[in-house]
Protein backbone atom coordinates (compact mmCIF):
# COMPACT_ATOMS: atom_id res chain seq x y z
CA MET A 1 13.11 -2.76 73.47
CA LYS A 2 10.79 -1.41 71.01
CA ARG A 3 11.85 -3.07 67.89
CA PRO A 4 11.09 -6.79 68.95
CA PHE A 5 7.56 -5.67 69.91
CA PHE A 6 7.09 -3.90 66.66
CA GLY A 7 8.25 -6.93 64.76
CA VAL A 8 5.53 -9.12 66.73
CA LYS A 9 2.72 -6.75 65.88
CA ILE A 10 3.75 -6.85 62.05
CA LEU A 11 3.64 -10.62 62.28
CA LEU A 12 0.39 -10.59 64.08
CA LEU A 13 -1.03 -8.27 61.39
CA VAL A 14 0.23 -10.46 58.65
CA PHE A 15 -1.33 -13.65 60.25
CA ILE A 16 -4.54 -11.98 61.14
CA GLY A 17 -4.92 -9.96 57.75
CA PHE A 18 -3.98 -13.02 55.43
CA PRO A 19 -7.46 -14.57 55.66
CA GLN A 20 -9.14 -11.15 54.91
CA LEU A 21 -6.85 -10.56 51.85
CA ASN A 22 -7.71 -14.05 50.57
CA ALA A 23 -11.28 -13.14 51.15
CA ILE A 24 -11.00 -9.94 49.11
CA ALA A 25 -9.21 -11.83 46.35
CA GLN A 26 -12.06 -14.47 46.25
CA ASP A 27 -14.77 -11.89 46.02
CA ALA A 28 -12.98 -10.04 43.21
CA ASN A 29 -15.05 -11.80 40.61
CA THR A 30 -18.20 -10.07 41.65
CA ASN A 31 -17.16 -6.74 40.03
CA LEU A 32 -16.22 -8.36 36.60
CA PRO A 33 -18.39 -7.44 33.68
CA ALA A 34 -20.73 -9.90 32.15
CA TRP A 35 -18.73 -10.48 28.97
CA LEU A 36 -15.63 -11.49 31.13
CA THR A 37 -17.45 -14.28 32.85
CA ARG A 38 -19.48 -15.81 30.14
CA PRO A 39 -18.11 -18.26 27.30
CA LEU A 40 -16.06 -16.05 25.20
CA PRO A 41 -15.18 -17.35 21.49
CA LEU A 42 -12.53 -15.49 19.48
CA ILE A 43 -15.02 -13.81 17.18
CA ASP A 44 -16.47 -12.13 20.23
CA CYS A 45 -13.03 -11.00 21.33
CA LEU A 46 -12.35 -9.33 18.08
CA ASN A 47 -15.83 -7.52 18.12
CA LEU A 48 -15.03 -6.34 21.70
CA ALA A 49 -11.62 -5.05 20.59
CA LEU A 50 -13.40 -3.07 17.75
CA GLN A 51 -15.68 -1.43 20.22
CA GLN A 52 -13.30 -0.84 23.18
CA ASN A 53 -9.61 -1.09 22.37
CA ALA A 54 -7.91 2.15 23.05
CA THR A 55 -5.74 2.25 19.97
CA ILE A 56 -8.73 1.68 17.70
CA LEU A 57 -10.54 4.37 19.53
CA LYS A 58 -7.72 6.83 19.09
CA ALA A 59 -7.48 5.86 15.40
CA LYS A 60 -11.21 6.51 15.19
CA SER A 61 -10.68 10.07 16.64
CA ASP A 62 -7.89 10.71 14.11
CA LEU A 63 -10.24 9.64 11.29
CA GLU A 64 -12.82 12.11 12.48
CA ALA A 65 -10.05 14.74 12.91
CA SER A 66 -9.03 14.18 9.14
CA HIS A 67 -12.61 15.22 8.22
CA GLY A 68 -11.63 18.82 9.33
CA ILE A 69 -8.51 18.70 7.10
CA VAL A 70 -10.77 17.69 4.18
CA VAL A 71 -13.02 20.65 4.81
CA GLN A 72 -10.12 23.02 4.95
CA THR A 73 -8.65 21.70 1.70
CA ARG A 74 -11.96 22.18 -0.16
CA ALA A 75 -12.34 25.74 1.33
CA VAL A 76 -10.54 27.44 -1.49
CA VAL A 77 -13.19 26.22 -3.90
CA LEU A 78 -16.23 27.44 -1.93
CA PRO A 79 -17.30 31.18 -1.89
CA GLN A 80 -16.58 33.40 0.95
CA VAL A 81 -19.14 35.65 2.71
CA GLN A 82 -17.75 38.50 4.78
CA ALA A 83 -19.77 40.88 6.94
CA THR A 84 -18.27 44.14 8.13
CA GLY A 85 -19.54 46.86 10.65
CA GLN A 86 -18.10 49.79 12.57
CA TYR A 87 -19.28 52.78 14.83
CA LYS A 88 -16.97 55.51 15.55
CA ARG A 89 -17.38 58.64 17.53
CA THR A 90 -14.91 61.54 17.30
CA ASP A 91 -14.24 64.64 19.45
CA ARG A 92 -15.57 67.73 17.65
CA GLY A 93 -12.40 69.81 18.00
CA ALA A 94 -10.63 67.10 15.92
CA ILE A 95 -13.12 67.36 13.03
CA GLU A 96 -12.20 69.80 10.25
CA ASN A 97 -15.28 71.47 8.47
CA PHE A 98 -15.74 73.19 5.39
CA PRO A 99 -15.19 76.97 5.76
CA VAL A 100 -18.40 77.79 4.01
CA SER A 101 -21.40 79.30 5.50
CA GLY A 102 -24.61 77.17 5.06
CA ILE A 103 -22.84 73.77 5.17
CA SER A 104 -23.70 71.75 8.19
CA PRO A 105 -20.68 70.59 10.07
CA LEU A 106 -19.59 66.90 9.89
CA PRO A 107 -21.09 64.45 12.33
CA ASP A 108 -19.10 63.32 15.15
CA GLN A 109 -20.59 59.96 14.97
CA ASN A 110 -20.22 57.65 12.00
CA TRP A 111 -21.16 53.93 11.21
CA ASN A 112 -21.07 51.87 8.30
CA ALA A 113 -22.00 48.05 7.62
CA GLY A 114 -21.62 45.71 4.65
CA VAL A 115 -21.89 42.25 3.36
CA GLN A 116 -19.84 40.81 0.43
CA ILE A 117 -19.71 37.58 -1.42
CA ILE A 118 -16.21 36.72 -2.92
CA GLN A 119 -16.00 33.73 -5.27
CA SER A 120 -12.53 32.65 -6.89
CA ILE A 121 -13.05 31.47 -10.43
CA TYR A 122 -9.35 30.99 -11.34
CA GLU A 123 -6.36 30.00 -8.93
CA GLY A 124 -4.01 28.77 -11.28
CA GLY A 125 -4.96 25.11 -11.09
CA LYS A 126 -5.09 25.14 -7.26
CA MET A 127 -8.86 24.78 -7.08
CA VAL A 128 -9.29 21.59 -9.01
CA ALA A 129 -6.04 20.29 -7.11
CA ALA A 130 -7.90 21.00 -3.78
CA LEU A 131 -10.82 19.04 -4.76
CA HIS A 132 -8.71 16.04 -5.61
CA ALA A 133 -6.61 16.52 -2.57
CA ALA A 134 -9.59 16.55 -0.40
CA LYS A 135 -10.66 13.22 -1.80
CA ALA A 136 -7.16 11.65 -1.48
CA THR A 137 -6.93 13.07 2.21
CA LYS A 138 -10.20 11.31 3.03
CA GLU A 139 -9.11 7.96 1.60
CA GLN A 140 -5.74 8.16 2.97
CA ALA A 141 -7.13 8.72 6.55
CA LEU A 142 -9.40 5.70 5.98
CA ALA A 143 -6.74 3.40 4.93
CA GLN A 144 -4.67 4.49 8.01
CA TYR A 145 -7.67 3.62 10.30
CA GLN A 146 -8.01 0.34 8.77
CA THR A 147 -4.35 -0.41 9.17
CA THR A 148 -4.67 0.37 12.75
CA ILE A 149 -7.69 -2.09 13.07
CA ALA A 150 -6.02 -4.83 11.11
CA ASP A 151 -2.88 -4.70 13.38
CA THR A 152 -4.77 -4.49 16.51
CA LEU A 153 -7.13 -7.37 15.57
CA LEU A 154 -4.14 -9.62 14.70
CA ALA A 155 -2.62 -8.63 18.11
CA THR A 156 -5.89 -9.75 19.76
CA ARG A 157 -6.17 -13.02 17.87
CA VAL A 158 -2.64 -13.78 18.71
CA ALA A 159 -3.26 -12.96 22.29
CA TYR A 160 -6.16 -15.29 22.38
CA TYR A 161 -4.18 -18.20 21.07
CA ASP A 162 -1.50 -17.29 23.73
CA ALA A 163 -4.17 -17.71 26.41
CA LEU A 164 -5.29 -20.85 24.96
CA LEU A 165 -1.67 -22.13 24.86
CA ALA A 166 -0.99 -21.08 28.54
CA ALA A 167 -4.25 -22.85 29.77
CA GLN A 168 -3.17 -26.08 27.76
CA GLN A 169 0.26 -25.75 29.14
CA ILE A 170 -1.13 -25.97 32.57
CA THR A 171 -3.09 -28.93 31.67
CA VAL A 172 0.08 -30.74 30.32
CA HIS A 173 2.23 -29.76 33.24
CA GLU A 174 -0.47 -30.84 35.69
CA ALA A 175 -0.87 -34.17 34.22
CA SER A 176 2.75 -34.59 34.28
CA VAL A 177 3.02 -33.66 37.97
CA LYS A 178 0.14 -36.34 38.57
CA LEU A 179 2.14 -38.92 36.85
CA LEU A 180 5.28 -38.21 38.59
CA GLN A 181 3.52 -38.06 41.95
CA ASN A 182 1.67 -41.37 41.27
CA GLU A 183 5.23 -42.87 40.47
CA LEU A 184 6.51 -41.17 43.78
CA GLU A 185 3.60 -43.00 45.69
CA ASP A 186 4.38 -46.36 43.97
CA GLN A 187 8.03 -45.98 44.81
CA GLN A 188 7.21 -45.16 48.40
CA HIS A 189 4.97 -48.16 48.69
CA ARG A 190 7.77 -50.48 47.24
CA TYR A 191 10.33 -48.87 49.56
CA ASN A 192 8.06 -49.41 52.70
CA ALA A 193 7.87 -53.00 51.44
CA GLY A 194 11.54 -53.31 50.98
CA THR A 195 11.45 -54.15 47.28
CA VAL A 196 13.45 -51.02 46.13
CA PRO A 197 16.13 -48.98 47.47
CA LYS A 198 15.78 -45.48 48.96
CA PHE A 199 17.66 -44.27 45.86
CA ASN A 200 14.35 -45.09 43.90
CA LEU A 201 12.30 -43.11 46.20
CA LEU A 202 14.85 -39.94 46.26
CA ARG A 203 14.96 -39.94 42.41
CA ALA A 204 11.05 -40.04 42.28
CA GLU A 205 10.95 -37.09 44.75
CA VAL A 206 13.51 -35.14 42.71
CA ALA A 207 11.47 -35.74 39.50
CA VAL A 208 8.41 -34.48 41.10
CA ALA A 209 10.18 -31.28 42.55
CA ASN A 210 11.85 -30.64 39.00
CA GLU A 211 8.39 -30.61 37.26
CA ARG A 212 6.58 -28.41 39.88
CA PRO A 213 8.40 -25.19 38.71
CA TYR A 214 7.02 -25.77 35.14
CA LEU A 215 3.65 -26.07 36.39
CA ILE A 216 4.11 -22.79 38.35
CA ARG A 217 5.58 -20.86 35.47
CA ALA A 218 2.65 -22.06 33.14
CA ARG A 219 0.08 -20.67 35.72
CA ASN A 220 2.09 -17.46 35.65
CA ASP A 221 2.08 -17.38 31.93
CA ASN A 222 -1.64 -18.00 32.10
CA ARG A 223 -2.21 -14.96 34.16
CA ILE A 224 -0.20 -12.78 32.05
CA ALA A 225 -1.68 -13.81 28.85
CA LYS A 226 -5.17 -13.10 30.11
CA ASN A 227 -4.25 -9.77 31.52
CA ASN A 228 -2.57 -9.12 27.97
CA LEU A 229 -5.94 -9.99 26.29
CA ALA A 230 -8.15 -8.15 28.70
CA ASN A 231 -5.91 -5.00 27.91
CA LEU A 232 -6.44 -5.39 24.11
CA LEU A 233 -10.03 -5.78 24.75
CA GLY A 234 -10.02 -2.42 26.48
CA TYR A 235 -10.91 -3.44 29.85
CA ASN A 236 -9.61 -2.11 33.00
CA LEU A 237 -9.34 -4.69 35.53
CA PRO A 238 -10.64 -4.02 38.97
CA ARG A 239 -7.90 -3.29 41.64
CA ASP A 240 -9.09 -6.29 43.79
CA VAL A 241 -8.47 -8.87 40.99
CA TRP A 242 -5.32 -10.39 42.40
CA GLU A 243 -4.89 -13.53 40.68
CA ASP A 244 -6.42 -15.38 37.53
CA ILE A 245 -9.09 -13.55 35.47
CA PRO A 246 -12.01 -15.86 35.03
CA MET A 247 -11.93 -15.61 31.14
CA GLN A 248 -13.81 -18.83 29.81
CA LEU A 249 -12.09 -19.00 26.25
CA THR A 250 -14.26 -21.44 24.21
CA ASP A 251 -12.37 -21.77 20.97
CA SER A 252 -9.64 -24.10 20.05
CA PHE A 253 -6.56 -23.84 18.07
CA ASP A 254 -7.51 -23.48 14.20
CA ASP A 255 -5.46 -26.66 12.71
CA LYS A 256 -7.69 -27.01 9.46
CA PRO A 257 -5.74 -27.35 6.28
CA TYR A 258 -4.97 -24.13 4.59
CA GLU A 259 -3.64 -24.06 1.00
CA ILE A 260 -1.59 -21.05 -0.07
CA ASN A 261 -0.67 -19.95 -3.51
CA LEU A 262 2.30 -17.71 -3.04
CA PRO A 263 2.33 -15.63 -6.35
CA ALA A 264 -1.49 -15.10 -5.86
CA ALA A 265 -1.01 -14.25 -2.27
CA ILE A 266 1.49 -11.55 -3.10
CA GLU A 267 -0.60 -10.12 -5.59
CA GLN A 268 -3.52 -10.05 -3.37
CA ALA A 269 -1.21 -8.30 -0.76
CA LEU A 270 -0.18 -5.76 -3.13
CA GLU A 271 -3.70 -4.79 -4.08
CA ASN A 272 -5.44 -5.12 -0.52
CA ARG A 273 -2.95 -4.02 2.02
CA THR A 274 -4.10 -0.55 3.54
CA GLU A 275 -0.56 0.62 4.14
CA LEU A 276 0.18 0.62 0.41
CA VAL A 277 -3.16 2.39 -0.30
CA ALA A 278 -2.33 5.15 2.30
CA MET A 279 1.16 5.35 0.57
CA ARG A 280 -0.39 5.81 -2.81
CA LYS A 281 -2.73 8.53 -1.53
CA ALA A 282 0.39 10.12 0.02
CA GLU A 283 1.94 10.19 -3.53
CA GLU A 284 -0.94 11.48 -5.11
CA LEU A 285 -1.14 14.36 -2.53
CA GLN A 286 2.59 15.26 -3.30
CA ARG A 287 1.77 15.38 -6.96
CA LEU A 288 -1.12 17.85 -6.12
CA ASN A 289 1.32 19.79 -4.15
CA ILE A 290 3.32 20.43 -7.32
CA ILE A 291 0.17 21.98 -8.87
CA ASN A 292 -0.40 24.11 -5.88
CA ALA A 293 3.21 25.33 -5.91
CA LYS A 294 3.18 26.16 -9.67
CA SER A 295 -0.06 28.17 -9.22
CA GLY A 296 2.21 30.87 -7.92
CA TYR A 297 3.26 31.62 -11.59
CA LYS A 298 -0.36 32.30 -12.57
CA PRO A 299 -2.73 34.99 -11.89
CA THR A 300 -5.82 34.63 -9.66
CA VAL A 301 -9.13 35.99 -10.59
CA GLN A 302 -12.22 36.63 -8.11
CA VAL A 303 -15.53 38.16 -8.43
CA PHE A 304 -17.60 39.85 -5.90
CA ALA A 305 -20.89 41.33 -5.01
CA GLY A 306 -22.11 42.92 -1.82
CA TYR A 307 -24.27 45.50 -0.24
CA ASN A 308 -23.33 48.53 1.93
CA TRP A 309 -24.92 50.90 4.47
CA TYR A 310 -23.51 54.09 5.87
CA ASN A 311 -24.70 57.23 7.57
CA ALA A 312 -24.86 60.36 5.51
CA GLN A 313 -22.27 62.96 6.30
CA TYR A 314 -22.90 65.56 3.65
CA THR A 315 -26.59 64.97 2.84
CA PRO A 316 -28.91 66.76 5.14
CA PRO A 317 -30.00 66.00 7.89
CA VAL A 318 -26.49 64.94 8.72
CA ASP A 319 -27.44 62.40 11.55
CA LEU A 320 -26.96 58.72 12.52
CA ASP A 321 -30.62 57.95 11.35
CA HIS A 322 -30.10 59.08 7.81
CA ASP A 323 -28.24 56.34 6.04
CA ILE A 324 -27.21 55.84 2.46
CA HIS A 325 -27.13 52.23 1.02
CA GLY A 326 -26.61 50.30 -2.28
CA TRP A 327 -25.05 47.21 -3.78
CA ASN A 328 -21.82 46.86 -5.73
CA ALA A 329 -20.19 44.16 -7.95
CA GLY A 330 -17.16 43.52 -9.68
CA ALA A 331 -14.00 41.47 -10.54
CA GLN A 332 -10.49 41.50 -9.42
CA MET A 333 -7.15 40.07 -10.48
CA SER A 334 -3.90 39.63 -8.71
CA TRP A 335 -0.65 38.43 -10.37
CA ASP A 336 2.77 38.32 -8.75
CA ILE A 337 5.06 39.11 -11.61
CA PHE A 338 8.18 38.39 -9.58
CA ASP A 339 8.08 37.14 -5.88
CA GLY A 340 11.80 36.82 -5.25
CA MET A 341 11.82 33.15 -6.54
CA LEU A 342 9.56 32.06 -3.63
CA THR A 343 7.33 30.13 -6.16
CA HIS A 344 10.29 28.38 -7.74
CA GLY A 345 11.58 27.38 -4.21
CA LYS A 346 8.05 25.93 -3.49
CA VAL A 347 8.09 23.84 -6.77
CA VAL A 348 11.45 22.48 -6.34
CA GLN A 349 10.53 21.26 -2.89
CA ALA A 350 7.34 19.84 -3.98
CA ARG A 351 8.89 17.82 -6.76
CA ALA A 352 11.54 16.34 -4.51
CA LEU A 353 8.78 15.37 -2.05
CA TYR A 354 6.86 13.93 -4.84
CA GLU A 355 9.92 11.73 -5.91
CA ARG A 356 10.40 10.50 -2.40
CA ALA A 357 6.95 9.63 -1.95
CA LYS A 358 7.10 7.56 -5.25
CA THR A 359 10.16 5.80 -3.73
CA ASP A 360 8.20 5.13 -0.63
CA VAL A 361 5.50 3.53 -2.48
CA VAL A 362 7.93 1.20 -4.21
CA ASP A 363 9.86 0.34 -1.16
CA GLU A 364 6.61 -0.26 0.88
CA GLY A 365 5.58 -2.70 -1.89
CA ARG A 366 8.97 -4.56 -1.56
CA GLN A 367 8.39 -4.62 2.30
CA VAL A 368 4.75 -6.03 1.94
CA GLU A 369 6.06 -8.74 -0.46
CA LEU A 370 9.02 -9.53 2.25
CA GLN A 371 6.27 -9.73 4.95
CA VAL A 372 4.05 -12.15 2.79
CA ARG A 373 7.06 -14.46 2.08
CA THR A 374 8.32 -14.31 5.63
CA ALA A 375 4.76 -15.17 6.94
CA TYR A 376 4.54 -17.79 4.33
CA SER A 377 7.83 -19.47 5.40
CA ASP A 378 6.78 -19.18 9.05
CA PHE A 379 3.42 -20.73 8.34
CA VAL A 380 5.04 -23.71 6.23
CA GLY A 381 7.42 -24.44 9.03
CA ALA A 382 4.58 -24.43 11.55
CA ARG A 383 2.59 -26.73 9.51
CA GLU A 384 5.58 -29.26 8.93
CA VAL A 385 6.22 -29.32 12.77
CA LEU A 386 2.41 -29.77 13.38
CA ASP A 387 2.34 -32.54 10.92
CA SER A 388 5.30 -34.20 12.57
CA GLN A 389 3.75 -34.30 15.74
CA LYS A 390 0.32 -36.03 14.94
CA THR A 391 1.29 -39.59 16.30
CA VAL A 392 4.28 -38.53 18.68
CA GLN A 393 1.90 -38.16 21.62
CA GLU A 394 0.24 -41.51 21.07
CA GLU A 395 3.57 -43.17 20.65
CA ALA A 396 4.78 -41.42 23.81
CA GLU A 397 1.68 -42.64 25.84
CA GLU A 398 2.26 -46.30 24.43
CA ALA A 399 6.01 -46.04 25.48
CA LEU A 400 5.05 -45.02 29.08
CA ARG A 401 2.47 -47.87 29.34
CA GLU A 402 5.15 -50.47 28.24
CA ALA A 403 7.90 -48.86 30.57
CA GLU A 404 5.49 -49.19 33.41
CA ALA A 405 4.44 -52.79 32.62
CA ARG A 406 8.21 -53.66 32.24
CA ALA A 407 9.10 -51.96 35.50
CA THR A 408 6.15 -54.05 37.21
CA THR A 409 7.43 -57.19 35.97
CA GLY A 410 11.01 -56.48 36.82
CA THR A 411 12.35 -56.32 33.32
CA GLY A 412 12.62 -52.59 33.30
CA THR A 413 14.00 -50.00 35.45
CA GLN A 414 12.43 -46.88 37.26
CA LEU A 415 14.82 -44.72 34.98
CA ASP A 416 13.03 -46.20 31.93
CA VAL A 417 9.71 -45.20 33.51
CA LEU A 418 10.80 -41.66 34.54
CA ASP A 419 12.49 -41.20 30.88
CA ALA A 420 9.03 -42.25 29.28
CA GLN A 421 7.17 -39.83 31.46
CA THR A 422 9.54 -36.98 30.50
CA SER A 423 9.23 -37.95 27.02
CA LEU A 424 5.28 -37.98 27.12
CA THR A 425 5.32 -34.41 28.67
CA GLN A 426 7.69 -33.23 26.09
CA ALA A 427 5.57 -34.62 23.31
CA ARG A 428 2.48 -33.01 24.80
CA THR A 429 4.18 -29.57 25.15
CA THR A 430 5.52 -29.84 21.68
CA GLN A 431 2.06 -30.65 20.27
CA VAL A 432 0.43 -27.81 22.05
CA LEU A 433 3.27 -25.36 20.74
CA ALA A 434 2.80 -26.72 17.45
CA LEU A 435 -1.01 -26.12 17.52
CA HIS A 436 -0.40 -22.46 18.81
CA ASP A 437 2.33 -21.74 16.25
CA TYR A 438 0.30 -23.00 13.33
CA ALA A 439 -2.73 -21.11 14.27
CA ALA A 440 -0.73 -17.83 14.89
CA ALA A 441 1.33 -18.33 11.76
CA ARG A 442 -1.84 -18.51 9.82
CA ALA A 443 -3.30 -15.41 11.55
CA ARG A 444 -0.14 -13.41 10.54
CA PHE A 445 -0.15 -14.76 6.95
CA GLU A 446 -3.85 -13.72 6.51
CA ARG A 447 -2.89 -10.00 8.06
CA ALA A 448 0.06 -9.97 5.44
CA ILE A 449 -2.09 -10.68 2.66
CA GLY A 450 -4.83 -8.04 3.83
CA GLU A 451 -7.40 -10.43 4.82
CA ASP A 452 -10.42 -9.26 7.01
CA MET A 453 -9.50 -10.71 10.44
CA VAL A 454 -13.18 -10.61 11.83
CA GLN A 455 -14.67 -12.29 8.63
CA THR A 456 -11.80 -14.77 8.71
CA ALA A 457 -12.26 -15.72 12.35
CA ALA A 458 -16.13 -16.08 11.86
CA LYS A 459 -15.59 -18.85 9.21
């Protein structure tokens, strides 16, 4: 007996709570940031991504961390300053004194302190290699950071175009539903007047019902596209945002003519792409590793200078307050005549990795050229589709007007009108898709040749 009552309570909660849930969804916009509710051009989105995108922020942290690697690499060239100190107290029973009368026993407390500067002057080529490696590491990290920025800005630019496409798809399908709804109302009036059979009315109802799912999907695509764009901009949506994000995208699709010289574009990509810059720096680092490995065959030479203090043990008075101090300086050399072929193994490994790095550079160059050619092909295809659709929408609108006029005069059929309406919707959809694909293909091509995405969008 409790189960029906429980079900009634659930239904009451749903019907009572539903208006409150709607009110929460309607009030969601009050917690949104200012940039999300003002007109938002593409250039502003790209700048927001530079400031807030998580991938870019993490890449920036990696770039800062690479500075520590640079400092570590240069450490072998810089002098080292060492300070030492010690205090020790020993049981007198464990101290052996001289068995000669008149000599003070050794103290049971001892201390010493010193400071020393050590500078390497020869490390078998390692010092010069370290300076070059530090520079190459810095440039490699910067190139990797720029690659992350370029990829993220491309994703943001395409996401902006996706949101524009979704919004225009809503407009297209709303217009289509309106056309079909008007046709349904016209057929309803004609049916009520007895001038058309019920079949015409049913056909119009089916046409409206078939078009509504496309409108629903377009609205869903619009929500998803805006969520994706907000995520790329590094914004966490409030939990009470249930439906559409109130983004006011102001730019339109970039359909301006864009001429491409493919050989020059490939040359530009091979020169500007930061992925190739990073690969070349990796190759340079591997070459420097060979020098580091070969340094094991050669001696190392260091010079040093210091100053030491310690308490007197034999010079009276023998106590902690009586100290002896002085400076020292000199040079030292070490040379591993035979290290069990450890250095040889390091050289073999370094040479192999260097050859692999060289192959990586060549292969990356081929991949970059392939990306440029693929992006070029996609752009040409998108441009051809866009050119082919310039007059299709106008022709479809004219065909619909003629079909409606013929149907009104009785020389045409309802099927002609419905076919013309469907063709108009397809023409509008294809036109919007062509504009989107053209703009996205151009953005991908500009990324493939290493263009500055922010500067390009600002033009």
